PDB file of N, CA and C in Angstrom:
ATOM      1  N   UNK A   1      -3.738  97.137 105.942  1.00  0.00           N
ATOM      2  CA  UNK A   1      -4.591  95.930 105.558  1.00  0.00           C
ATOM      3  C   UNK A   1      -4.470  96.116 104.502  1.00  0.00           C
ATOM      4  N   UNK A   2      -4.501  95.015 103.857  1.00  0.00           N
ATOM      5  CA  UNK A   2      -4.445  94.398 102.327  1.00  0.00           C
ATOM      6  C   UNK A   2      -6.001  94.301 102.138  1.00  0.00           C
ATOM      7  N   UNK A   3      -6.379  94.417 101.246  1.00  0.00           N
ATOM      8  CA  UNK A   3      -7.425  93.827 100.590  1.00  0.00           C
ATOM      9  C   UNK A   3      -7.629  93.173  99.586  1.00  0.00           C
ATOM     10  N   UNK A   4      -7.503  91.623  99.835  1.00  0.00           N
ATOM     11  CA  UNK A   4      -7.093  90.504  98.788  1.00  0.00           C
ATOM     12  C   UNK A   4      -8.156  89.357  99.717  1.00  0.00           C
ATOM     13  N   UNK A   5      -8.233  88.299  98.160  1.00  0.00           N
ATOM     14  CA  UNK A   5      -8.734  87.227  98.791  1.00  0.00           C
ATOM     15  C   UNK A   5      -8.097  85.998  99.704  1.00  0.00           C
ATOM     16  N   UNK A   6      -7.675  86.173 100.654  1.00  0.00           N
ATOM     17  CA  UNK A   6      -7.182  85.517 101.655  1.00  0.00           C
ATOM     18  C   UNK A   6      -7.941  85.490 102.977  1.00  0.00           C
ATOM     19  N   UNK A   7      -7.970  84.263 103.413  1.00  0.00           N
ATOM     20  CA  UNK A   7      -8.555  84.419 105.172  1.00  0.00           C
ATOM     21  C   UNK A   7      -9.886  83.703 104.219  1.00  0.00           C
ATOM     22  N   UNK A   8     -11.010  83.945 104.926  1.00  0.00           N
ATOM     23  CA  UNK A   8     -12.128  83.358 104.931  1.00  0.00           C
ATOM     24  C   UNK A   8     -12.987  84.509 103.911  1.00  0.00           C
ATOM     25  N   UNK A   9     -12.637  84.899 103.455  1.00  0.00           N
ATOM     26  CA  UNK A   9     -13.158  86.168 102.417  1.00  0.00           C
ATOM     27  C   UNK A   9     -12.602  84.923 100.758  1.00  0.00           C
ATOM     28  N   UNK A  10     -12.195  84.940 100.765  1.00  0.00           N
ATOM     29  CA  UNK A  10     -11.288  83.838  99.728  1.00  0.00           C
ATOM     30  C   UNK A  10     -11.572  82.723  99.705  1.00  0.00           C
ATOM     31  N   UNK A  11     -11.765  81.798 100.529  1.00  0.00           N
ATOM     32  CA  UNK A  11     -12.563  80.647 101.219  1.00  0.00           C
ATOM     33  C   UNK A  11     -14.226  80.450 100.517  1.00  0.00           C
ATOM     34  N   UNK A  12     -14.727  82.034 101.121  1.00  0.00           N
ATOM     35  CA  UNK A  12     -16.203  81.887 100.724  1.00  0.00           C
ATOM     36  C   UNK A  12     -16.355  82.236  99.120  1.00  0.00           C
ATOM     37  N   UNK A  13     -15.266  82.953  98.337  1.00  0.00           N
ATOM     38  CA  UNK A  13     -15.756  83.470  97.387  1.00  0.00           C
ATOM     39  C   UNK A  13     -15.101  82.109  97.020  1.00  0.00           C
ATOM     40  N   UNK A  14     -14.249  81.453  96.648  1.00  0.00           N
ATOM     41  CA  UNK A  14     -13.929  80.061  96.285  1.00  0.00           C
ATOM     42  C   UNK A  14     -15.207  79.078  96.286  1.00  0.00           C
ATOM     43  N   UNK A  15     -15.370  79.136  97.467  1.00  0.00           N
ATOM     44  CA  UNK A  15     -17.198  78.213  97.452  1.00  0.00           C
ATOM     45  C   UNK A  15     -18.263  78.363  96.481  1.00  0.00           C
ATOM     46  N   UNK A  16     -18.595  80.075  96.637  1.00  0.00           N
ATOM     47  CA  UNK A  16     -19.663  79.929  95.540  1.00  0.00           C
ATOM     48  C   UNK A  16     -18.768  79.930  94.107  1.00  0.00           C
ATOM     49  N   UNK A  17     -17.835  79.738  93.617  1.00  0.00           N
ATOM     50  CA  UNK A  17     -17.600  79.888  92.314  1.00  0.00           C
ATOM     51  C   UNK A  17     -17.422  78.252  92.522  1.00  0.00           C
ATOM     52  N   UNK A  18     -17.011  77.687  93.048  1.00  0.00           N
ATOM     53  CA  UNK A  18     -17.301  75.843  92.865  1.00  0.00           C
ATOM     54  C   UNK A  18     -18.670  75.450  92.858  1.00  0.00           C
ATOM     55  N   UNK A  19     -19.643  76.183  93.603  1.00  0.00           N
ATOM     56  CA  UNK A  19     -21.140  75.755  93.471  1.00  0.00           C
ATOM     57  C   UNK A  19     -21.563  76.422  91.643  1.00  0.00           C
ATOM     58  N   UNK A  20     -21.178  77.387  91.714  1.00  0.00           N
ATOM     59  CA  UNK A  20     -21.392  77.588  90.191  1.00  0.00           C
ATOM     60  C   UNK A  20     -20.683  76.937  88.854  1.00  0.00           C
ATOM     61  N   UNK A  21     -19.536  76.293  89.513  1.00  0.00           N
ATOM     62  CA  UNK A  21     -18.908  75.747  88.579  1.00  0.00           C
ATOM     63  C   UNK A  21     -19.841  74.596  88.519  1.00  0.00           C
ATOM     64  N   UNK A  22     -20.256  73.821  89.159  1.00  0.00           N
ATOM     65  CA  UNK A  22     -21.064  72.391  89.875  1.00  0.00           C
ATOM     66  C   UNK A  22     -22.152  72.574  88.713  1.00  0.00           C
ATOM     67  N   UNK A  23     -22.339  73.409  88.372  1.00  0.00           N
ATOM     68  CA  UNK A  23     -23.709  73.759  87.812  1.00  0.00           C
ATOM     69  C   UNK A  23     -23.496  72.954  86.322  1.00  0.00           C
ATOM     70  N   UNK A  24     -22.490  73.377  85.930  1.00  0.00           N
ATOM     71  CA  UNK A  24     -21.673  71.987  84.405  1.00  0.00           C
ATOM     72  C   UNK A  24     -21.530  70.505  84.632  1.00  0.00           C
ATOM     73  N   UNK A  25     -21.281  70.330  85.772  1.00  0.00           N
ATOM     74  CA  UNK A  25     -21.023  68.781  85.942  1.00  0.00           C
ATOM     75  C   UNK A  25     -22.202  67.897  85.778  1.00  0.00           C
ATOM     76  N   UNK A  26     -23.712  68.276  86.211  1.00  0.00           N
ATOM     77  CA  UNK A  26     -24.731  67.137  85.622  1.00  0.00           C
ATOM     78  C   UNK A  26     -25.113  66.907  87.032  1.00  0.00           C
ATOM     79  N   UNK A  27     -24.298  67.185  88.686  1.00  0.00           N
ATOM     80  CA  UNK A  27     -25.034  66.824  89.558  1.00  0.00           C
ATOM     81  C   UNK A  27     -25.894  67.743  90.606  1.00  0.00           C
ATOM     82  N   UNK A  28     -26.098  68.463  89.850  1.00  0.00           N
ATOM     83  CA  UNK A  28     -26.687  69.500  90.716  1.00  0.00           C
ATOM     84  C   UNK A  28     -28.569  69.047  90.897  1.00  0.00           C
ATOM     85  N   UNK A  29     -28.942  68.343  89.946  1.00  0.00           N
ATOM     86  CA  UNK A  29     -30.272  67.738  90.443  1.00  0.00           C
ATOM     87  C   UNK A  29     -30.070  66.903  91.554  1.00  0.00           C
ATOM     88  N   UNK A  30     -29.038  66.025  91.894  1.00  0.00           N
ATOM     89  CA  UNK A  30     -28.367  64.491  92.688  1.00  0.00           C
ATOM     90  C   UNK A  30     -28.550  65.602  94.353  1.00  0.00           C
ATOM     91  N   UNK A  31     -27.961  66.812  94.007  1.00  0.00           N
ATOM     92  CA  UNK A  31     -27.311  67.005  95.777  1.00  0.00           C
ATOM     93  C   UNK A  31     -27.908  68.382  95.681  1.00  0.00           C
ATOM     94  N   UNK A  32     -29.448  68.608  95.424  1.00  0.00           N
ATOM     95  CA  UNK A  32     -29.879  70.142  95.252  1.00  0.00           C
ATOM     96  C   UNK A  32     -29.708  70.347  97.050  1.00  0.00           C
ATOM     97  N   UNK A  33     -29.793  69.887  98.165  1.00  0.00           N
ATOM     98  CA  UNK A  33     -30.430  70.142  99.519  1.00  0.00           C
ATOM     99  C   UNK A  33     -28.680  70.085 100.195  1.00  0.00           C
ATOM    100  N   UNK A  34     -27.940  69.264  99.637  1.00  0.00           N
ATOM    101  CA  UNK A  34     -26.599  69.816 100.006  1.00  0.00           C
ATOM    102  C   UNK A  34     -26.132  70.722  99.693  1.00  0.00           C
ATOM    103  N   UNK A  35     -26.596  71.225  98.681  1.00  0.00           N
ATOM    104  CA  UNK A  35     -25.504  72.688  98.163  1.00  0.00           C
ATOM    105  C   UNK A  35     -26.123  73.904  98.756  1.00  0.00           C
ATOM    106  N   UNK A  36     -27.534  73.503  99.693  1.00  0.00           N
ATOM    107  CA  UNK A  36     -27.896  74.417 100.533  1.00  0.00           C
ATOM    108  C   UNK A  36     -27.048  74.571 101.520  1.00  0.00           C
ATOM    109  N   UNK A  37     -26.385  73.963 102.491  1.00  0.00           N
ATOM    110  CA  UNK A  37     -25.460  73.967 103.320  1.00  0.00           C
ATOM    111  C   UNK A  37     -24.183  74.339 103.181  1.00  0.00           C
ATOM    112  N   UNK A  38     -23.937  74.015 101.823  1.00  0.00           N
ATOM    113  CA  UNK A  38     -22.154  74.468 101.426  1.00  0.00           C
ATOM    114  C   UNK A  38     -22.846  76.211 101.215  1.00  0.00           C
ATOM    115  N   UNK A  39     -23.810  76.541 100.152  1.00  0.00           N
ATOM    116  CA  UNK A  39     -24.050  77.592 100.296  1.00  0.00           C
ATOM    117  C   UNK A  39     -24.225  78.807 101.129  1.00  0.00           C
ATOM    118  N   UNK A  40     -24.918  78.216 102.398  1.00  0.00           N
ATOM    119  CA  UNK A  40     -24.871  78.930 103.819  1.00  0.00           C
ATOM    120  C   UNK A  40     -23.451  79.139 104.113  1.00  0.00           C
ATOM    121  N   UNK A  41     -23.242  78.113 104.526  1.00  0.00           N
ATOM    122  CA  UNK A  41     -21.533  78.412 105.115  1.00  0.00           C
ATOM    123  C   UNK A  41     -20.719  78.947 103.905  1.00  0.00           C
ATOM    124  N   UNK A  42     -20.700  79.116 103.192  1.00  0.00           N
ATOM    125  CA  UNK A  42     -20.116  80.073 102.447  1.00  0.00           C
ATOM    126  C   UNK A  42     -20.389  81.597 102.756  1.00  0.00           C
ATOM    127  N   UNK A  43     -21.575  81.999 102.650  1.00  0.00           N
ATOM    128  CA  UNK A  43     -22.155  82.935 103.520  1.00  0.00           C
ATOM    129  C   UNK A  43     -21.711  83.433 104.645  1.00  0.00           C
ATOM    130  N   UNK A  44     -22.112  82.808 105.290  1.00  0.00           N
ATOM    131  CA  UNK A  44     -21.335  82.951 107.084  1.00  0.00           C
ATOM    132  C   UNK A  44     -19.660  83.169 106.766  1.00  0.00           C
ATOM    133  N   UNK A  45     -19.083  82.494 105.864  1.00  0.00           N
ATOM    134  CA  UNK A  45     -17.527  83.222 105.702  1.00  0.00           C
ATOM    135  C   UNK A  45     -17.680  84.632 104.857  1.00  0.00           C
ATOM    136  N   UNK A  46     -18.290  84.901 104.427  1.00  0.00           N
ATOM    137  CA  UNK A  46     -18.488  86.136 103.632  1.00  0.00           C
ATOM    138  C   UNK A  46     -18.630  87.068 104.998  1.00  0.00           C
ATOM    139  N   UNK A  47     -19.544  86.793 105.543  1.00  0.00           N
ATOM    140  CA  UNK A  47     -20.124  87.566 106.776  1.00  0.00           C
ATOM    141  C   UNK A  47     -19.108  87.620 108.002  1.00  0.00           C
ATOM    142  N   UNK A  48     -18.142  86.874 108.013  1.00  0.00           N
ATOM    143  CA  UNK A  48     -17.378  86.986 109.137  1.00  0.00           C
ATOM    144  C   UNK A  48     -15.934  87.300 108.437  1.00  0.00           C
ATOM    145  N   UNK A  49     -15.921  87.440 106.867  1.00  0.00           N
ATOM    146  CA  UNK A  49     -14.646  88.520 106.299  1.00  0.00           C
ATOM    147  C   UNK A  49     -15.017  90.148 106.495  1.00  0.00           C
ATOM    148  N   UNK A  50     -16.502  90.080 106.477  1.00  0.00           N
ATOM    149  CA  UNK A  50     -16.739  91.327 106.776  1.00  0.00           C
ATOM    150  C   UNK A  50     -16.867  91.907 108.189  1.00  0.00           C
ATOM    151  N   UNK A  51     -17.098  91.044 109.279  1.00  0.00           N
ATOM    152  CA  UNK A  51     -17.313  91.354 110.673  1.00  0.00           C
ATOM    153  C   UNK A  51     -15.427  91.563 111.353  1.00  0.00           C
ATOM    154  N   UNK A  52     -14.339  90.848 110.365  1.00  0.00           N
ATOM    155  CA  UNK A  52     -13.252  91.239 110.579  1.00  0.00           C
ATOM    156  C   UNK A  52     -12.891  92.475 110.042  1.00  0.00           C
ATOM    157  N   UNK A  53     -12.958  92.720 109.141  1.00  0.00           N
ATOM    158  CA  UNK A  53     -12.583  93.786 108.528  1.00  0.00           C
ATOM    159  C   UNK A  53     -13.069  95.249 109.540  1.00  0.00           C
ATOM    160  N   UNK A  54     -14.554  95.059 109.802  1.00  0.00           N
ATOM    161  CA  UNK A  54     -15.073  96.247 110.793  1.00  0.00           C
ATOM    162  C   UNK A  54     -14.521  96.002 112.042  1.00  0.00           C
ATOM    163  N   UNK A  55     -13.752  95.085 112.288  1.00  0.00           N
ATOM    164  CA  UNK A  55     -12.986  94.456 114.226  1.00  0.00           C
ATOM    165  C   UNK A  55     -12.062  95.788 113.451  1.00  0.00           C
ATOM    166  N   UNK A  56     -11.044  95.388 112.743  1.00  0.00           N
ATOM    167  CA  UNK A  56      -9.773  96.446 112.016  1.00  0.00           C
ATOM    168  C   UNK A  56     -10.309  97.454 112.226  1.00  0.00           C
ATOM    169  N   UNK A  57     -10.774  97.562 111.714  1.00  0.00           N
ATOM    170  CA  UNK A  57     -11.480  98.971 111.561  1.00  0.00           C
ATOM    171  C   UNK A  57     -11.470 100.306 113.131  1.00  0.00           C
ATOM    172  N   UNK A  58     -12.171  99.734 113.778  1.00  0.00           N
ATOM    173  CA  UNK A  58     -12.837  99.923 114.868  1.00  0.00           C
ATOM    174  C   UNK A  58     -11.852  99.570 116.373  1.00  0.00           C
ATOM    175  N   UNK A  59     -11.216  98.445 115.879  1.00  0.00           N
ATOM    176  CA  UNK A  59     -10.344  98.075 117.103  1.00  0.00           C
ATOM    177  C   UNK A  59     -11.404  97.093 118.364  1.00  0.00           C
ATOM    178  N   UNK A  60     -12.184  96.904 118.128  1.00  0.00           N
ATOM    179  CA  UNK A  60     -12.865  96.264 119.231  1.00  0.00           C
ATOM    180  C   UNK A  60     -12.760  94.832 119.759  1.00  0.00           C
ATOM    181  N   UNK A  61     -12.455  94.333 120.383  1.00  0.00           N
ATOM    182  CA  UNK A  61     -12.378  92.661 120.829  1.00  0.00           C
ATOM    183  C   UNK A  61     -13.346  91.777 120.452  1.00  0.00           C
ATOM    184  N   UNK A  62     -14.405  92.027 121.097  1.00  0.00           N
ATOM    185  CA  UNK A  62     -15.476  91.364 120.911  1.00  0.00           C
ATOM    186  C   UNK A  62     -15.954  91.217 119.996  1.00  0.00           C
ATOM    187  N   UNK A  63     -15.680  91.900 118.420  1.00  0.00           N
ATOM    188  CA  UNK A  63     -15.907  91.411 117.289  1.00  0.00           C
ATOM    189  C   UNK A  63     -15.223  90.435 116.803  1.00  0.00           C
ATOM    190  N   UNK A  64     -14.116  90.177 117.271  1.00  0.00           N
ATOM    191  CA  UNK A  64     -13.383  89.161 116.705  1.00  0.00           C
ATOM    192  C   UNK A  64     -13.995  87.729 117.109  1.00  0.00           C
ATOM    193  N   UNK A  65     -14.734  87.703 118.419  1.00  0.00           N
ATOM    194  CA  UNK A  65     -15.550  86.375 119.145  1.00  0.00           C
ATOM    195  C   UNK A  65     -16.296  86.490 118.084  1.00  0.00           C
ATOM    196  N   UNK A  66     -17.542  87.092 117.371  1.00  0.00           N
ATOM    197  CA  UNK A  66     -18.459  87.101 116.516  1.00  0.00           C
ATOM    198  C   UNK A  66     -18.109  86.660 115.251  1.00  0.00           C
ATOM    199  N   UNK A  67     -16.657  86.958 114.811  1.00  0.00           N
ATOM    200  CA  UNK A  67     -16.015  86.547 113.526  1.00  0.00           C
ATOM    201  C   UNK A  67     -16.089  85.165 113.839  1.00  0.00           C
ATOM    202  N   UNK A  68     -15.137  84.683 114.840  1.00  0.00           N
ATOM    203  CA  UNK A  68     -15.247  83.202 115.051  1.00  0.00           C
ATOM    204  C   UNK A  68     -16.127  82.534 114.923  1.00  0.00           C
ATOM    205  N   UNK A  69     -17.035  82.582 115.350  1.00  0.00           N
ATOM    206  CA  UNK A  69     -18.541  81.855 115.764  1.00  0.00           C
ATOM    207  C   UNK A  69     -19.258  82.480 114.492  1.00  0.00           C
ATOM    208  N   UNK A  70     -18.975  82.941 113.442  1.00  0.00           N
ATOM    209  CA  UNK A  70     -19.458  82.838 112.497  1.00  0.00           C
ATOM    210  C   UNK A  70     -18.585  81.930 111.366  1.00  0.00           C
ATOM    211  N   UNK A  71     -17.209  81.753 111.675  1.00  0.00           N
ATOM    212  CA  UNK A  71     -16.179  81.256 110.626  1.00  0.00           C
ATOM    213  C   UNK A  71     -16.571  79.086 111.310  1.00  0.00           C
ATOM    214  N   UNK A  72     -16.758  79.511 112.389  1.00  0.00           N
ATOM    215  CA  UNK A  72     -16.907  77.442 113.202  1.00  0.00           C
ATOM    216  C   UNK A  72     -18.518  77.501 112.607  1.00  0.00           C
ATOM    217  N   UNK A  73     -19.423  78.575 112.425  1.00  0.00           N
ATOM    218  CA  UNK A  73     -20.687  78.035 111.856  1.00  0.00           C
ATOM    219  C   UNK A  73     -20.852  77.429 110.585  1.00  0.00           C
ATOM    220  N   UNK A  74     -19.604  78.518 109.443  1.00  0.00           N
ATOM    221  CA  UNK A  74     -19.604  78.001 108.490  1.00  0.00           C
ATOM    222  C   UNK A  74     -18.597  76.776 108.067  1.00  0.00           C
ATOM    223  N   UNK A  75     -17.918  76.220 108.961  1.00  0.00           N
ATOM    224  CA  UNK A  75     -17.055  75.343 108.973  1.00  0.00           C
ATOM    225  C   UNK A  75     -18.070  73.587 109.119  1.00  0.00           C
ATOM    226  N   UNK A  76     -18.969  74.128 109.793  1.00  0.00           N
ATOM    227  CA  UNK A  76     -19.825  73.252 110.265  1.00  0.00           C
ATOM    228  C   UNK A  76     -20.693  72.908 108.899  1.00  0.00           C
ATOM    229  N   UNK A  77     -21.284  74.288 108.914  1.00  0.00           N
ATOM    230  CA  UNK A  77     -22.142  73.540 107.327  1.00  0.00           C
ATOM    231  C   UNK A  77     -21.692  73.128 106.411  1.00  0.00           C
ATOM    232  N   UNK A  78     -20.344  73.659 105.363  1.00  0.00           N
ATOM    233  CA  UNK A  78     -19.502  73.134 104.999  1.00  0.00           C
ATOM    234  C   UNK A  78     -19.300  71.461 104.786  1.00  0.00           C
ATOM    235  N   UNK A  79     -18.720  71.423 106.212  1.00  0.00           N
ATOM    236  CA  UNK A  79     -18.723  69.967 106.557  1.00  0.00           C
ATOM    237  C   UNK A  79     -19.805  68.867 106.359  1.00  0.00           C
ATOM    238  N   UNK A  80     -20.976  69.616 106.710  1.00  0.00           N
ATOM    239  CA  UNK A  80     -22.643  68.805 106.884  1.00  0.00           C
ATOM    240  C   UNK A  80     -22.881  68.929 105.112  1.00  0.00           C
ATOM    241  N   UNK A  81     -22.591  69.674 104.561  1.00  0.00           N
ATOM    242  CA  UNK A  81     -22.826  69.593 103.413  1.00  0.00           C
ATOM    243  C   UNK A  81     -21.959  68.774 102.379  1.00  0.00           C
ATOM    244  N   UNK A  82     -20.483  68.708 102.396  1.00  0.00           N
ATOM    245  CA  UNK A  82     -19.640  68.365 101.772  1.00  0.00           C
ATOM    246  C   UNK A  82     -19.603  66.462 102.215  1.00  0.00           C
ATOM    247  N   UNK A  83     -20.454  66.046 103.494  1.00  0.00           N
ATOM    248  CA  UNK A  83     -20.244  64.892 104.004  1.00  0.00           C
ATOM    249  C   UNK A  83     -21.477  64.316 103.300  1.00  0.00           C
ATOM    250  N   UNK A  84     -22.863  65.181 103.123  1.00  0.00           N
ATOM    251  CA  UNK A  84     -24.005  64.661 102.636  1.00  0.00           C
ATOM    252  C   UNK A  84     -23.641  64.852 101.358  1.00  0.00           C
ATOM    253  N   UNK A  85     -23.217  65.515 100.808  1.00  0.00           N
ATOM    254  CA  UNK A  85     -23.156  65.270  98.894  1.00  0.00           C
ATOM    255  C   UNK A  85     -22.214  64.300  98.920  1.00  0.00           C
ATOM    256  N   UNK A  86     -21.065  63.915  98.994  1.00  0.00           N
ATOM    257  CA  UNK A  86     -20.233  62.661  98.860  1.00  0.00           C
ATOM    258  C   UNK A  86     -21.007  61.283  99.319  1.00  0.00           C
ATOM    259  N   UNK A  87     -21.714  61.487 100.294  1.00  0.00           N
ATOM    260  CA  UNK A  87     -22.713  60.172 100.538  1.00  0.00           C
ATOM    261  C   UNK A  87     -23.735  60.399  99.454  1.00  0.00           C
ATOM    262  N   UNK A  88     -24.041  61.086  98.930  1.00  0.00           N
ATOM    263  CA  UNK A  88     -25.101  61.119  97.786  1.00  0.00           C
ATOM    264  C   UNK A  88     -24.574  60.597  96.630  1.00  0.00           C
ATOM    265  N   UNK A  89     -23.392  61.381  95.847  1.00  0.00           N
ATOM    266  CA  UNK A  89     -22.509  60.812  94.985  1.00  0.00           C
ATOM    267  C   UNK A  89     -22.565  59.641  94.728  1.00  0.00           C
ATOM    268  N   UNK A  90     -21.838  59.007  95.712  1.00  0.00           N
ATOM    269  CA  UNK A  90     -21.109  57.541  95.720  1.00  0.00           C
ATOM    270  C   UNK A  90     -22.224  56.651  96.193  1.00  0.00           C
ATOM    271  N   UNK A  91     -23.189  57.061  96.247  1.00  0.00           N
ATOM    272  CA  UNK A  91     -24.565  56.456  96.389  1.00  0.00           C
ATOM    273  C   UNK A  91     -25.410  55.915  95.062  1.00  0.00           C
ATOM    274  N   UNK A  92     -24.998  56.901  94.239  1.00  0.00           N
ATOM    275  CA  UNK A  92     -25.385  57.015  92.949  1.00  0.00           C
ATOM    276  C   UNK A  92     -24.714  56.243  91.978  1.00  0.00           C
ATOM    277  N   UNK A  93     -23.552  56.193  92.428  1.00  0.00           N
ATOM    278  CA  UNK A  93     -22.459  55.661  91.294  1.00  0.00           C
ATOM    279  C   UNK A  93     -22.158  53.807  91.335  1.00  0.00           C
ATOM    280  N   UNK A  94     -23.199  53.308  92.721  1.00  0.00           N
ATOM    281  CA  UNK A  94     -23.038  51.868  92.147  1.00  0.00           C
ATOM    282  C   UNK A  94     -24.304  51.547  91.824  1.00  0.00           C
TER     283      UNK A  94
END
Protein backbone atom coordinates (compact mmCIF):
# COMPACT_ATOMS: atom_id res chain seq x y z
CA UNK A 1 0.00 0.00 0.00
CA UNK A 2 1.36 3.38 -1.02
CA UNK A 3 0.21 6.46 0.84
CA UNK A 4 -0.21 8.97 -1.93
CA UNK A 5 -2.75 11.48 -3.11
CA UNK A 6 -4.76 9.19 -5.35
CA UNK A 7 -8.42 8.34 -4.97
CA UNK A 8 -10.71 10.17 -2.62
CA UNK A 9 -7.83 11.55 -0.56
CA UNK A 10 -6.40 13.41 -3.54
CA UNK A 11 -9.78 14.68 -4.65
CA UNK A 12 -10.65 15.87 -1.13
CA UNK A 13 -7.36 17.73 -0.76
CA UNK A 14 -7.74 19.14 -4.28
CA UNK A 15 -11.20 20.48 -3.44
CA UNK A 16 -9.93 22.12 -0.27
CA UNK A 17 -7.00 23.67 -2.17
CA UNK A 18 -9.43 24.91 -4.83
CA UNK A 19 -11.53 26.55 -2.14
CA UNK A 20 -8.43 28.18 -0.69
CA UNK A 21 -7.43 29.55 -4.11
CA UNK A 22 -10.99 30.72 -4.77
CA UNK A 23 -10.43 33.32 -2.07
CA UNK A 24 -8.21 35.26 -4.46
CA UNK A 25 -10.70 35.23 -7.34
CA UNK A 26 -13.12 37.68 -5.77
CA UNK A 27 -16.18 35.39 -6.01
CA UNK A 28 -16.16 34.27 -2.38
CA UNK A 29 -18.69 36.83 -1.18
CA UNK A 30 -21.14 35.90 -3.93
CA UNK A 31 -21.04 32.15 -3.29
CA UNK A 32 -20.66 31.75 0.49
CA UNK A 33 -23.47 29.21 0.90
CA UNK A 34 -22.36 27.10 -2.05
CA UNK A 35 -18.82 26.89 -0.69
CA UNK A 36 -20.23 25.18 2.39
CA UNK A 37 -21.59 22.35 0.27
CA UNK A 38 -18.27 21.84 -1.48
CA UNK A 39 -16.29 22.02 1.77
CA UNK A 40 -18.63 19.46 3.35
CA UNK A 41 -18.15 17.18 0.36
CA UNK A 42 -14.38 17.51 0.69
CA UNK A 43 -14.56 16.53 4.35
CA UNK A 44 -16.66 13.48 3.49
CA UNK A 45 -14.07 12.50 0.87
CA UNK A 46 -11.32 12.78 3.47
CA UNK A 47 -13.40 10.65 5.85
CA UNK A 48 -13.82 8.09 3.09
CA UNK A 49 -10.05 7.98 2.57
CA UNK A 50 -9.48 7.43 6.28
CA UNK A 51 -12.07 4.67 6.40
CA UNK A 52 -10.48 3.09 3.32
CA UNK A 53 -7.08 3.04 5.01
CA UNK A 54 -8.57 1.46 8.14
CA UNK A 55 -10.43 -1.13 6.07
CA UNK A 56 -7.21 -2.12 4.29
CA UNK A 57 -5.34 -2.59 7.55
CA UNK A 58 -7.94 -4.68 9.44
CA UNK A 59 -9.56 -6.31 6.39
CA UNK A 60 -13.23 -5.91 7.28
CA UNK A 61 -15.57 -5.90 4.29
CA UNK A 62 -18.34 -3.93 6.03
CA UNK A 63 -16.11 -0.87 6.33
CA UNK A 64 -15.87 -0.65 2.55
CA UNK A 65 -19.62 -0.05 2.45
CA UNK A 66 -19.19 2.80 4.92
CA UNK A 67 -16.52 4.26 2.63
CA UNK A 68 -18.89 3.96 -0.32
CA UNK A 69 -21.58 5.81 1.63
CA UNK A 70 -19.12 8.61 2.48
CA UNK A 71 -18.04 8.94 -1.14
CA UNK A 72 -21.63 9.01 -2.43
CA UNK A 73 -22.60 11.68 0.12
CA UNK A 74 -19.52 13.69 -0.88
CA UNK A 75 -20.40 13.38 -4.57
CA UNK A 76 -23.94 14.61 -3.96
CA UNK A 77 -22.77 17.55 -1.83
CA UNK A 78 -20.10 18.63 -4.32
CA UNK A 79 -22.56 18.28 -7.21
CA UNK A 80 -25.16 20.43 -5.45
CA UNK A 81 -22.51 23.00 -4.55
CA UNK A 82 -21.06 23.13 -8.07
CA UNK A 83 -24.44 23.48 -9.78
CA UNK A 84 -25.69 26.19 -7.43
CA UNK A 85 -22.34 27.99 -7.64
CA UNK A 86 -22.46 27.97 -11.45
CA UNK A 87 -26.01 29.30 -11.42
CA UNK A 88 -25.05 32.01 -8.94
CA UNK A 89 -21.95 33.12 -10.87
CA UNK A 90 -23.59 33.04 -14.30
CA UNK A 91 -26.61 34.98 -13.08
CA UNK A 92 -24.27 37.72 -11.82
CA UNK A 93 -22.49 37.96 -15.21
CA UNK A 94 -25.62 39.00 -17.11
